[in-house]
N, C-alpha and C. Protein backbone atom coordinates (compact mmCIF):
# COMPACT_ATOMS: atom_id res chain seq x y z
N MET A 1 -33.42 10.66 17.86
CA MET A 1 -32.13 10.04 17.67
C MET A 1 -31.04 11.10 17.82
N ARG A 2 -30.16 10.91 18.80
CA ARG A 2 -29.15 11.91 19.13
C ARG A 2 -27.78 11.48 18.59
N ILE A 3 -27.09 12.42 17.97
CA ILE A 3 -25.88 12.13 17.22
C ILE A 3 -24.76 13.07 17.62
N ILE A 4 -23.51 12.55 17.66
CA ILE A 4 -22.35 13.42 17.70
C ILE A 4 -21.48 13.12 16.48
N ILE A 5 -20.73 14.12 16.07
CA ILE A 5 -19.85 14.01 14.91
C ILE A 5 -18.42 14.31 15.35
N ILE A 6 -17.48 13.48 14.90
CA ILE A 6 -16.07 13.70 15.20
C ILE A 6 -15.33 13.82 13.87
N ASP A 7 -14.81 15.00 13.59
CA ASP A 7 -14.08 15.22 12.34
C ASP A 7 -13.15 16.41 12.53
N ASP A 8 -11.88 16.24 12.20
CA ASP A 8 -10.92 17.32 12.44
C ASP A 8 -11.06 18.46 11.43
N HIS A 9 -11.88 18.25 10.39
CA HIS A 9 -12.15 19.32 9.44
C HIS A 9 -13.49 19.98 9.81
N LYS A 10 -13.42 21.18 10.33
CA LYS A 10 -14.59 21.86 10.87
C LYS A 10 -15.69 22.03 9.82
N ILE A 11 -15.30 22.39 8.61
CA ILE A 11 -16.30 22.63 7.55
C ILE A 11 -17.08 21.37 7.24
N PHE A 12 -16.39 20.23 7.14
CA PHE A 12 -17.11 18.99 6.84
C PHE A 12 -18.02 18.61 8.00
N GLY A 13 -17.51 18.72 9.23
CA GLY A 13 -18.32 18.36 10.39
C GLY A 13 -19.59 19.17 10.48
N GLU A 14 -19.47 20.47 10.26
CA GLU A 14 -20.65 21.34 10.34
C GLU A 14 -21.59 21.08 9.17
N GLY A 15 -21.02 20.79 8.00
CA GLY A 15 -21.86 20.48 6.84
C GLY A 15 -22.65 19.20 7.03
N LEU A 16 -22.00 18.18 7.61
CA LEU A 16 -22.69 16.93 7.89
C LEU A 16 -23.78 17.15 8.94
N ALA A 17 -23.49 17.98 9.93
CA ALA A 17 -24.49 18.28 10.96
C ALA A 17 -25.73 18.92 10.34
N SER A 18 -25.51 19.84 9.41
CA SER A 18 -26.62 20.50 8.74
C SER A 18 -27.44 19.50 7.92
N LEU A 19 -26.75 18.60 7.23
CA LEU A 19 -27.45 17.59 6.42
C LEU A 19 -28.29 16.68 7.31
N LEU A 20 -27.72 16.23 8.43
CA LEU A 20 -28.45 15.34 9.32
C LEU A 20 -29.66 16.04 9.95
N SER A 21 -29.49 17.30 10.27
CA SER A 21 -30.61 18.08 10.83
C SER A 21 -31.75 18.20 9.83
N SER A 22 -31.41 18.22 8.54
CA SER A 22 -32.44 18.36 7.50
C SER A 22 -33.30 17.11 7.36
N ILE A 23 -32.82 15.98 7.93
CA ILE A 23 -33.64 14.75 7.90
C ILE A 23 -34.09 14.40 9.32
N ASP A 24 -34.30 15.45 10.12
CA ASP A 24 -34.91 15.34 11.45
C ASP A 24 -34.09 14.50 12.44
N LEU A 25 -32.78 14.63 12.36
CA LEU A 25 -31.90 13.99 13.33
C LEU A 25 -31.25 15.08 14.18
N GLU A 26 -31.08 14.81 15.46
CA GLU A 26 -30.56 15.82 16.37
C GLU A 26 -29.05 15.65 16.55
N VAL A 27 -28.30 16.60 16.05
CA VAL A 27 -26.84 16.58 16.24
C VAL A 27 -26.54 17.34 17.53
N VAL A 28 -26.06 16.61 18.52
CA VAL A 28 -25.83 17.19 19.85
C VAL A 28 -24.55 18.02 19.88
N ARG A 29 -23.48 17.46 19.34
CA ARG A 29 -22.19 18.15 19.34
C ARG A 29 -21.40 17.77 18.10
N VAL A 30 -20.52 18.68 17.68
CA VAL A 30 -19.54 18.39 16.62
C VAL A 30 -18.17 18.62 17.23
N PHE A 31 -17.34 17.58 17.23
CA PHE A 31 -16.01 17.64 17.83
C PHE A 31 -14.93 17.60 16.76
N GLN A 32 -13.89 18.39 16.96
CA GLN A 32 -12.70 18.30 16.10
C GLN A 32 -11.58 17.52 16.78
N GLU A 33 -11.67 17.37 18.10
CA GLU A 33 -10.67 16.64 18.87
C GLU A 33 -11.24 15.30 19.34
N PRO A 34 -10.73 14.18 18.81
CA PRO A 34 -11.27 12.86 19.18
C PRO A 34 -11.23 12.57 20.67
N LYS A 35 -10.15 12.93 21.34
CA LYS A 35 -10.03 12.63 22.77
C LYS A 35 -11.08 13.38 23.59
N ILE A 36 -11.38 14.61 23.19
CA ILE A 36 -12.41 15.38 23.89
C ILE A 36 -13.78 14.73 23.67
N ALA A 37 -14.00 14.23 22.46
CA ALA A 37 -15.27 13.54 22.16
C ALA A 37 -15.43 12.30 23.03
N LEU A 38 -14.37 11.53 23.19
CA LEU A 38 -14.45 10.33 24.02
C LEU A 38 -14.69 10.68 25.49
N GLU A 39 -14.08 11.76 25.94
CA GLU A 39 -14.33 12.21 27.32
C GLU A 39 -15.80 12.59 27.49
N TYR A 40 -16.35 13.24 26.48
CA TYR A 40 -17.77 13.62 26.52
C TYR A 40 -18.66 12.38 26.61
N LEU A 41 -18.32 11.36 25.84
CA LEU A 41 -19.13 10.13 25.83
C LEU A 41 -19.10 9.41 27.18
N LYS A 42 -18.03 9.60 27.93
CA LYS A 42 -17.95 8.99 29.25
C LYS A 42 -18.95 9.61 30.22
N LYS A 43 -19.37 10.85 29.93
CA LYS A 43 -20.21 11.61 30.86
C LYS A 43 -21.69 11.55 30.52
N VAL A 44 -22.03 11.11 29.30
CA VAL A 44 -23.44 11.09 28.90
C VAL A 44 -23.87 9.67 28.54
N ASN A 45 -25.16 9.45 28.53
CA ASN A 45 -25.66 8.11 28.19
C ASN A 45 -26.84 8.17 27.23
N ASP A 46 -26.97 9.29 26.52
CA ASP A 46 -28.12 9.45 25.63
C ASP A 46 -27.73 9.69 24.18
N VAL A 47 -26.51 9.27 23.80
CA VAL A 47 -26.08 9.37 22.40
C VAL A 47 -26.39 8.07 21.69
N ASP A 48 -27.01 8.17 20.53
CA ASP A 48 -27.40 6.97 19.77
C ASP A 48 -26.38 6.59 18.69
N ILE A 49 -25.83 7.61 18.00
CA ILE A 49 -24.92 7.36 16.88
C ILE A 49 -23.73 8.30 16.96
N VAL A 50 -22.56 7.76 16.64
CA VAL A 50 -21.37 8.58 16.47
C VAL A 50 -20.91 8.48 15.02
N PHE A 51 -20.85 9.60 14.33
CA PHE A 51 -20.21 9.68 13.02
C PHE A 51 -18.76 10.09 13.27
N THR A 52 -17.81 9.31 12.78
CA THR A 52 -16.41 9.68 12.98
C THR A 52 -15.60 9.56 11.70
N ASP A 53 -14.76 10.56 11.49
CA ASP A 53 -13.78 10.48 10.42
C ASP A 53 -12.77 9.39 10.79
N ILE A 54 -12.17 8.77 9.80
CA ILE A 54 -11.19 7.72 10.05
C ILE A 54 -9.77 8.28 10.13
N ASN A 55 -9.42 9.13 9.18
CA ASN A 55 -8.04 9.62 9.10
C ASN A 55 -7.90 10.96 9.80
N MET A 56 -7.53 10.90 11.08
CA MET A 56 -7.28 12.11 11.85
C MET A 56 -5.92 11.99 12.52
N PRO A 57 -5.21 13.08 12.68
CA PRO A 57 -3.87 13.01 13.26
C PRO A 57 -3.90 12.57 14.72
N GLY A 58 -2.93 11.74 15.09
CA GLY A 58 -2.77 11.34 16.47
C GLY A 58 -3.69 10.21 16.90
N PHE A 59 -4.99 10.47 16.94
CA PHE A 59 -5.97 9.51 17.45
C PHE A 59 -6.95 9.21 16.33
N ASN A 60 -6.66 8.18 15.54
CA ASN A 60 -7.49 7.99 14.34
C ASN A 60 -8.84 7.34 14.66
N GLY A 61 -9.68 7.30 13.63
CA GLY A 61 -11.04 6.82 13.79
C GLY A 61 -11.15 5.35 14.14
N PHE A 62 -10.15 4.55 13.77
CA PHE A 62 -10.17 3.14 14.15
C PHE A 62 -10.14 3.02 15.68
N LYS A 63 -9.30 3.82 16.32
CA LYS A 63 -9.21 3.79 17.78
C LYS A 63 -10.52 4.25 18.42
N ILE A 64 -11.15 5.24 17.80
CA ILE A 64 -12.44 5.71 18.31
C ILE A 64 -13.47 4.59 18.25
N CYS A 65 -13.53 3.89 17.13
CA CYS A 65 -14.47 2.77 16.99
C CYS A 65 -14.21 1.70 18.03
N GLU A 66 -12.94 1.40 18.26
CA GLU A 66 -12.58 0.39 19.26
C GLU A 66 -13.02 0.81 20.66
N GLU A 67 -12.77 2.08 20.99
CA GLU A 67 -13.14 2.59 22.32
C GLU A 67 -14.64 2.55 22.53
N ILE A 68 -15.39 2.96 21.52
CA ILE A 68 -16.85 2.99 21.64
C ILE A 68 -17.41 1.57 21.77
N LYS A 69 -16.86 0.66 20.97
CA LYS A 69 -17.31 -0.73 21.04
C LYS A 69 -17.03 -1.32 22.41
N LEU A 70 -15.89 -0.95 22.98
CA LEU A 70 -15.47 -1.49 24.27
C LEU A 70 -16.29 -0.93 25.42
N ARG A 71 -16.60 0.38 25.37
CA ARG A 71 -17.17 1.06 26.53
C ARG A 71 -18.64 1.43 26.39
N HIS A 72 -19.14 1.53 25.16
CA HIS A 72 -20.50 2.03 24.95
C HIS A 72 -21.25 1.07 24.02
N ILE A 73 -21.71 0.00 24.57
CA ILE A 73 -22.28 -1.10 23.78
C ILE A 73 -23.45 -0.64 22.91
N LYS A 74 -24.29 0.26 23.41
CA LYS A 74 -25.52 0.62 22.71
C LYS A 74 -25.30 1.65 21.60
N ILE A 75 -24.19 2.34 21.63
CA ILE A 75 -23.95 3.39 20.62
C ILE A 75 -23.54 2.76 19.29
N LYS A 76 -24.16 3.21 18.22
CA LYS A 76 -23.80 2.78 16.88
C LYS A 76 -22.74 3.74 16.31
N THR A 77 -21.82 3.19 15.55
CA THR A 77 -20.74 4.01 15.00
C THR A 77 -20.74 3.95 13.48
N ILE A 78 -20.72 5.11 12.86
CA ILE A 78 -20.61 5.21 11.40
C ILE A 78 -19.27 5.85 11.07
N ALA A 79 -18.39 5.07 10.46
CA ALA A 79 -17.07 5.57 10.08
C ALA A 79 -17.15 6.19 8.70
N MET A 80 -16.48 7.33 8.52
CA MET A 80 -16.48 8.00 7.22
C MET A 80 -15.07 8.42 6.85
N SER A 81 -14.79 8.42 5.55
CA SER A 81 -13.51 8.96 5.08
C SER A 81 -13.61 9.23 3.59
N MET A 82 -12.56 9.82 3.04
CA MET A 82 -12.50 10.09 1.61
C MET A 82 -12.05 8.86 0.83
N TYR A 83 -11.66 7.79 1.55
CA TYR A 83 -11.06 6.63 0.89
C TYR A 83 -12.09 5.56 0.55
N ASP A 84 -12.14 5.19 -0.72
CA ASP A 84 -12.97 4.06 -1.14
C ASP A 84 -12.03 2.88 -1.38
N ASP A 85 -11.55 2.32 -0.29
CA ASP A 85 -10.52 1.28 -0.33
C ASP A 85 -10.98 0.11 0.53
N SER A 86 -11.01 -1.08 -0.06
CA SER A 86 -11.57 -2.24 0.64
C SER A 86 -10.82 -2.57 1.92
N ARG A 87 -9.49 -2.38 1.93
CA ARG A 87 -8.72 -2.68 3.14
C ARG A 87 -9.13 -1.76 4.28
N ILE A 88 -9.31 -0.48 3.97
CA ILE A 88 -9.68 0.49 5.00
C ILE A 88 -11.11 0.23 5.48
N LYS A 89 -12.00 -0.11 4.56
CA LYS A 89 -13.37 -0.45 4.94
C LYS A 89 -13.39 -1.64 5.91
N GLN A 90 -12.64 -2.68 5.57
CA GLN A 90 -12.62 -3.87 6.42
C GLN A 90 -12.01 -3.57 7.78
N GLN A 91 -10.98 -2.73 7.80
CA GLN A 91 -10.36 -2.37 9.08
C GLN A 91 -11.33 -1.59 9.95
N ALA A 92 -12.12 -0.73 9.34
CA ALA A 92 -13.11 0.04 10.09
C ALA A 92 -14.13 -0.89 10.75
N ILE A 93 -14.65 -1.84 9.99
CA ILE A 93 -15.63 -2.79 10.53
C ILE A 93 -14.99 -3.66 11.60
N LYS A 94 -13.75 -4.09 11.34
CA LYS A 94 -13.02 -4.90 12.33
C LYS A 94 -12.82 -4.13 13.63
N SER A 95 -12.64 -2.82 13.51
CA SER A 95 -12.41 -1.99 14.70
C SER A 95 -13.68 -1.71 15.49
N GLY A 96 -14.82 -2.05 14.90
CA GLY A 96 -16.07 -1.89 15.64
C GLY A 96 -17.11 -1.00 14.99
N ALA A 97 -16.78 -0.39 13.85
CA ALA A 97 -17.78 0.44 13.17
C ALA A 97 -18.94 -0.42 12.68
N ASN A 98 -20.15 0.10 12.80
CA ASN A 98 -21.32 -0.60 12.24
C ASN A 98 -21.45 -0.35 10.75
N ILE A 99 -21.02 0.83 10.33
CA ILE A 99 -21.20 1.27 8.95
C ILE A 99 -19.92 1.96 8.48
N TYR A 100 -19.62 1.80 7.19
CA TYR A 100 -18.54 2.59 6.59
C TYR A 100 -19.10 3.34 5.38
N LEU A 101 -18.91 4.65 5.37
CA LEU A 101 -19.37 5.49 4.26
C LEU A 101 -18.21 6.33 3.74
N THR A 102 -18.17 6.53 2.44
CA THR A 102 -17.24 7.53 1.93
C THR A 102 -17.91 8.90 2.05
N LYS A 103 -17.10 9.94 2.04
CA LYS A 103 -17.63 11.28 2.23
C LYS A 103 -18.37 11.83 1.01
N THR A 104 -18.46 11.00 -0.04
CA THR A 104 -19.27 11.38 -1.21
C THR A 104 -20.69 10.83 -1.10
N ALA A 105 -21.02 10.17 0.00
CA ALA A 105 -22.35 9.58 0.17
C ALA A 105 -23.44 10.66 0.11
N THR A 106 -24.55 10.32 -0.50
CA THR A 106 -25.69 11.25 -0.61
C THR A 106 -26.54 11.20 0.66
N LYS A 107 -27.47 12.13 0.76
CA LYS A 107 -28.40 12.15 1.89
C LYS A 107 -29.17 10.82 1.97
N GLU A 108 -29.60 10.32 0.82
CA GLU A 108 -30.36 9.07 0.79
C GLU A 108 -29.51 7.90 1.27
N GLU A 109 -28.24 7.88 0.85
CA GLU A 109 -27.35 6.80 1.27
C GLU A 109 -27.06 6.86 2.76
N ILE A 110 -26.95 8.05 3.29
CA ILE A 110 -26.73 8.21 4.74
C ILE A 110 -27.96 7.75 5.50
N SER A 111 -29.15 8.10 5.03
CA SER A 111 -30.39 7.67 5.68
C SER A 111 -30.49 6.14 5.69
N LYS A 112 -30.16 5.53 4.57
CA LYS A 112 -30.20 4.07 4.48
C LYS A 112 -29.19 3.44 5.43
N ALA A 113 -28.01 4.04 5.52
CA ALA A 113 -26.96 3.53 6.40
C ALA A 113 -27.40 3.56 7.85
N ILE A 114 -28.08 4.63 8.25
CA ILE A 114 -28.57 4.76 9.63
C ILE A 114 -29.59 3.67 9.93
N LYS A 115 -30.49 3.42 8.99
CA LYS A 115 -31.48 2.36 9.18
C LYS A 115 -30.79 1.00 9.31
N ASN A 116 -29.79 0.77 8.47
CA ASN A 116 -29.05 -0.49 8.53
C ASN A 116 -28.34 -0.66 9.87
N CYS A 117 -27.88 0.47 10.41
CA CYS A 117 -27.24 0.47 11.73
C CYS A 117 -28.10 -0.22 12.76
N PHE A 118 -29.35 0.19 12.82
CA PHE A 118 -30.23 -0.29 13.86
C PHE A 118 -30.92 -1.60 13.50
N ASN A 119 -30.69 -2.07 12.28
CA ASN A 119 -31.13 -3.41 11.89
C ASN A 119 -29.96 -4.39 11.94
N ASN A 120 -28.83 -3.90 12.52
CA ASN A 120 -27.62 -4.71 12.66
C ASN A 120 -27.10 -5.25 11.33
N LYS A 121 -27.24 -4.44 10.28
CA LYS A 121 -26.70 -4.81 8.97
C LYS A 121 -25.44 -3.99 8.71
N LYS A 122 -24.38 -4.68 8.28
CA LYS A 122 -23.17 -3.97 7.90
C LYS A 122 -23.42 -3.29 6.55
N HIS A 123 -22.83 -2.13 6.38
CA HIS A 123 -23.14 -1.34 5.18
C HIS A 123 -21.88 -0.67 4.67
N PHE A 124 -21.66 -0.80 3.36
CA PHE A 124 -20.58 -0.08 2.70
C PHE A 124 -21.18 0.80 1.62
N HIS A 125 -20.68 2.01 1.53
CA HIS A 125 -21.06 2.87 0.41
C HIS A 125 -20.24 2.44 -0.80
N LYS A 126 -20.92 1.94 -1.81
CA LYS A 126 -20.23 1.42 -2.99
C LYS A 126 -20.15 2.48 -4.09
N THR A 127 -18.97 2.65 -4.64
CA THR A 127 -18.78 3.52 -5.79
C THR A 127 -18.38 2.66 -6.98
N GLN A 128 -18.28 3.29 -8.14
CA GLN A 128 -17.99 2.52 -9.35
C GLN A 128 -16.60 1.90 -9.32
N LYS A 129 -15.64 2.56 -8.72
CA LYS A 129 -14.30 1.99 -8.63
C LYS A 129 -13.62 2.50 -7.37
N GLU A 130 -12.66 1.73 -6.90
CA GLU A 130 -11.97 2.11 -5.68
C GLU A 130 -11.05 3.30 -5.90
N SER A 131 -10.79 3.98 -4.81
CA SER A 131 -9.89 5.13 -4.83
C SER A 131 -8.48 4.72 -5.22
N THR A 132 -7.77 5.58 -5.91
CA THR A 132 -6.36 5.33 -6.25
C THR A 132 -5.45 6.29 -5.48
N ILE A 133 -5.97 6.88 -4.41
CA ILE A 133 -5.17 7.80 -3.60
C ILE A 133 -4.04 7.05 -2.93
N ASN A 134 -2.82 7.58 -3.00
CA ASN A 134 -1.69 7.03 -2.28
C ASN A 134 -1.16 8.08 -1.32
N ASP A 135 -1.34 7.85 -0.04
CA ASP A 135 -0.78 8.73 0.97
C ASP A 135 -0.38 7.86 2.16
N GLU A 136 0.07 8.49 3.23
CA GLU A 136 0.53 7.74 4.40
C GLU A 136 -0.52 6.76 4.90
N PHE A 137 -1.78 7.19 4.89
CA PHE A 137 -2.86 6.38 5.43
C PHE A 137 -3.15 5.14 4.58
N THR A 138 -3.31 5.34 3.27
CA THR A 138 -3.66 4.20 2.41
C THR A 138 -2.48 3.25 2.23
N ILE A 139 -1.26 3.80 2.11
CA ILE A 139 -0.09 2.94 1.96
C ILE A 139 0.07 2.05 3.19
N LYS A 140 -0.13 2.63 4.38
CA LYS A 140 0.00 1.86 5.61
C LYS A 140 -0.95 0.68 5.63
N TYR A 141 -2.19 0.90 5.19
CA TYR A 141 -3.19 -0.16 5.29
C TYR A 141 -3.18 -1.11 4.09
N LYS A 142 -2.20 -0.92 3.19
CA LYS A 142 -1.94 -1.96 2.21
C LYS A 142 -1.26 -3.16 2.87
N LEU A 143 -0.57 -2.89 3.98
CA LEU A 143 0.19 -3.92 4.67
C LEU A 143 -0.63 -4.52 5.82
N THR A 144 -0.49 -5.84 6.01
CA THR A 144 -1.11 -6.47 7.17
C THR A 144 -0.31 -6.10 8.41
N SER A 145 -0.88 -6.37 9.58
CA SER A 145 -0.17 -6.04 10.82
C SER A 145 1.14 -6.82 10.92
N ARG A 146 1.15 -8.08 10.46
CA ARG A 146 2.39 -8.87 10.49
C ARG A 146 3.42 -8.33 9.51
N GLU A 147 2.96 -7.89 8.35
CA GLU A 147 3.89 -7.27 7.39
C GLU A 147 4.50 -6.00 7.96
N ARG A 148 3.72 -5.24 8.73
CA ARG A 148 4.26 -4.04 9.35
C ARG A 148 5.28 -4.39 10.44
N ASP A 149 5.05 -5.53 11.12
CA ASP A 149 6.04 -6.01 12.11
C ASP A 149 7.36 -6.33 11.42
N VAL A 150 7.27 -7.05 10.30
CA VAL A 150 8.46 -7.41 9.54
C VAL A 150 9.15 -6.16 9.01
N LEU A 151 8.34 -5.23 8.50
CA LEU A 151 8.90 -3.98 7.98
C LEU A 151 9.67 -3.23 9.06
N SER A 152 9.12 -3.19 10.26
CA SER A 152 9.78 -2.50 11.36
C SER A 152 11.15 -3.11 11.66
N GLU A 153 11.22 -4.43 11.64
CA GLU A 153 12.50 -5.10 11.90
C GLU A 153 13.48 -4.93 10.74
N LEU A 154 12.96 -4.90 9.53
CA LEU A 154 13.83 -4.65 8.37
C LEU A 154 14.50 -3.28 8.49
N LEU A 155 13.74 -2.31 8.95
CA LEU A 155 14.29 -0.97 9.10
C LEU A 155 15.30 -0.89 10.24
N ASN A 156 15.28 -1.89 11.12
CA ASN A 156 16.29 -2.01 12.17
C ASN A 156 17.49 -2.84 11.72
N GLU A 157 17.51 -3.12 10.39
CA GLU A 157 18.61 -3.84 9.75
C GLU A 157 18.76 -5.28 10.26
N ARG A 158 17.63 -5.90 10.60
CA ARG A 158 17.66 -7.30 11.01
C ARG A 158 17.71 -8.22 9.79
N SER A 159 18.37 -9.34 9.94
CA SER A 159 18.39 -10.36 8.89
C SER A 159 17.08 -11.15 8.94
N ASN A 160 16.82 -11.95 7.90
CA ASN A 160 15.60 -12.76 7.89
C ASN A 160 15.55 -13.70 9.08
N LYS A 161 16.71 -14.29 9.41
CA LYS A 161 16.76 -15.22 10.54
C LYS A 161 16.49 -14.49 11.86
N GLU A 162 17.05 -13.31 12.02
CA GLU A 162 16.82 -12.54 13.25
C GLU A 162 15.35 -12.16 13.38
N ILE A 163 14.75 -11.76 12.26
CA ILE A 163 13.32 -11.39 12.28
C ILE A 163 12.47 -12.60 12.64
N ALA A 164 12.82 -13.76 12.07
CA ALA A 164 12.09 -14.99 12.36
C ALA A 164 12.14 -15.31 13.85
N ASP A 165 13.31 -15.16 14.46
CA ASP A 165 13.46 -15.45 15.89
C ASP A 165 12.67 -14.45 16.74
N ILE A 166 12.74 -13.18 16.37
CA ILE A 166 12.05 -12.14 17.15
C ILE A 166 10.54 -12.32 17.09
N LEU A 167 10.01 -12.61 15.89
CA LEU A 167 8.56 -12.72 15.70
C LEU A 167 8.03 -14.13 15.91
N ASN A 168 8.95 -15.06 16.18
CA ASN A 168 8.57 -16.46 16.42
C ASN A 168 7.85 -17.06 15.22
N ILE A 169 8.40 -16.83 14.05
CA ILE A 169 7.90 -17.42 12.81
C ILE A 169 9.07 -18.02 12.05
N SER A 170 8.80 -18.76 10.98
CA SER A 170 9.88 -19.40 10.24
C SER A 170 10.58 -18.40 9.32
N LYS A 171 11.81 -18.73 8.97
CA LYS A 171 12.57 -17.88 8.05
C LYS A 171 11.87 -17.80 6.69
N ARG A 172 11.28 -18.91 6.26
CA ARG A 172 10.56 -18.92 4.98
C ARG A 172 9.36 -17.97 5.02
N THR A 173 8.66 -17.92 6.17
CA THR A 173 7.53 -17.01 6.31
C THR A 173 7.99 -15.56 6.22
N VAL A 174 9.14 -15.26 6.82
CA VAL A 174 9.70 -13.91 6.73
C VAL A 174 9.98 -13.56 5.28
N GLU A 175 10.56 -14.50 4.54
CA GLU A 175 10.88 -14.27 3.12
C GLU A 175 9.61 -13.98 2.32
N THR A 176 8.53 -14.71 2.65
CA THR A 176 7.25 -14.48 1.98
C THR A 176 6.71 -13.09 2.29
N HIS A 177 6.80 -12.70 3.55
CA HIS A 177 6.35 -11.36 3.94
C HIS A 177 7.16 -10.29 3.21
N ARG A 178 8.45 -10.50 3.08
CA ARG A 178 9.30 -9.51 2.40
C ARG A 178 8.89 -9.36 0.94
N LYS A 179 8.59 -10.48 0.29
CA LYS A 179 8.13 -10.43 -1.11
C LYS A 179 6.83 -9.65 -1.22
N ASN A 180 5.91 -9.92 -0.30
CA ASN A 180 4.62 -9.23 -0.32
C ASN A 180 4.78 -7.73 -0.06
N ILE A 181 5.68 -7.39 0.85
CA ILE A 181 5.95 -5.97 1.13
C ILE A 181 6.49 -5.29 -0.11
N ASN A 182 7.44 -5.94 -0.79
CA ASN A 182 8.00 -5.37 -2.03
C ASN A 182 6.92 -5.13 -3.07
N LEU A 183 6.02 -6.12 -3.22
CA LEU A 183 4.95 -6.00 -4.21
C LEU A 183 3.99 -4.87 -3.86
N LYS A 184 3.56 -4.82 -2.61
CA LYS A 184 2.57 -3.83 -2.19
C LYS A 184 3.13 -2.40 -2.22
N LEU A 185 4.41 -2.27 -1.91
CA LEU A 185 5.02 -0.94 -1.91
C LEU A 185 5.65 -0.59 -3.25
N ASP A 186 5.62 -1.56 -4.17
CA ASP A 186 6.17 -1.37 -5.52
C ASP A 186 7.65 -0.99 -5.47
N VAL A 187 8.41 -1.80 -4.73
CA VAL A 187 9.86 -1.60 -4.63
C VAL A 187 10.57 -2.92 -4.92
N LYS A 188 11.90 -2.86 -5.08
CA LYS A 188 12.66 -4.05 -5.47
C LYS A 188 13.60 -4.56 -4.39
N ASN A 189 13.96 -3.73 -3.44
CA ASN A 189 14.95 -4.15 -2.45
C ASN A 189 14.76 -3.38 -1.13
N SER A 190 15.68 -3.63 -0.21
CA SER A 190 15.58 -3.02 1.13
C SER A 190 15.71 -1.50 1.09
N ILE A 191 16.51 -1.01 0.15
CA ILE A 191 16.67 0.44 0.03
C ILE A 191 15.34 1.07 -0.39
N GLY A 192 14.66 0.43 -1.34
CA GLY A 192 13.35 0.91 -1.77
C GLY A 192 12.34 0.88 -0.64
N ILE A 193 12.35 -0.20 0.14
CA ILE A 193 11.46 -0.30 1.30
C ILE A 193 11.70 0.85 2.26
N ALA A 194 12.97 1.11 2.55
CA ALA A 194 13.33 2.17 3.50
C ALA A 194 12.85 3.54 3.01
N LYS A 195 13.01 3.80 1.70
CA LYS A 195 12.59 5.09 1.14
C LYS A 195 11.09 5.30 1.28
N VAL A 196 10.31 4.27 0.95
CA VAL A 196 8.85 4.39 1.03
C VAL A 196 8.41 4.50 2.49
N ALA A 197 9.02 3.72 3.36
CA ALA A 197 8.67 3.75 4.78
C ALA A 197 8.94 5.13 5.38
N LEU A 198 10.06 5.73 4.96
CA LEU A 198 10.41 7.07 5.46
C LEU A 198 9.46 8.13 4.88
N LYS A 199 9.17 8.01 3.58
CA LYS A 199 8.32 8.99 2.92
C LYS A 199 6.92 9.01 3.52
N TYR A 200 6.38 7.82 3.82
CA TYR A 200 5.00 7.73 4.29
C TYR A 200 4.86 7.45 5.78
N ASN A 201 6.00 7.49 6.50
CA ASN A 201 5.96 7.32 7.95
C ASN A 201 5.20 6.05 8.34
N LEU A 202 5.62 4.92 7.76
CA LEU A 202 4.86 3.69 7.90
C LEU A 202 5.02 3.00 9.25
N VAL A 203 6.10 3.27 9.96
CA VAL A 203 6.31 2.62 11.27
C VAL A 203 6.74 3.67 12.28
């Protein structure tokens, strides 16, 4: 079983490679640059599994999962990150990952995940409680894609009616999205939305 690893943190990538080698798996390459990894995959046809970090600058792991699913049907993808967050897990699977693991997974859990990969079983590494980390990545994925569309227009100082016309939805739906955005970002008004959006680079 031939594996490549994509992770912008060299120490983690090499550590994972060592762990996988200890359970008789062949790690072919460890990449820190996602685009270089995808170029490599275009040239070879003997990779069985790709382990990829999710939160990487520029070209995140969701895009990698999408590309692999689109172009390399036989390759299994295991997405990994430090986040134990249900929204991020679901987004990873939606993007094409076969498995989602947190980076605290044990050797045994990784072995089980690989077996589940080839039995076409979806797998989540479960911890006792979800992560409470708040950063640009987790805050962004608190919002649905439609909420991010509304947020983008709010930051352009559009009124609810203007947003409704642009997105082809009702004014009432826009109002509902605004309420949900306020709740998820823990703010009370447009100024609060703008501050959080700027702080976490949400759009």
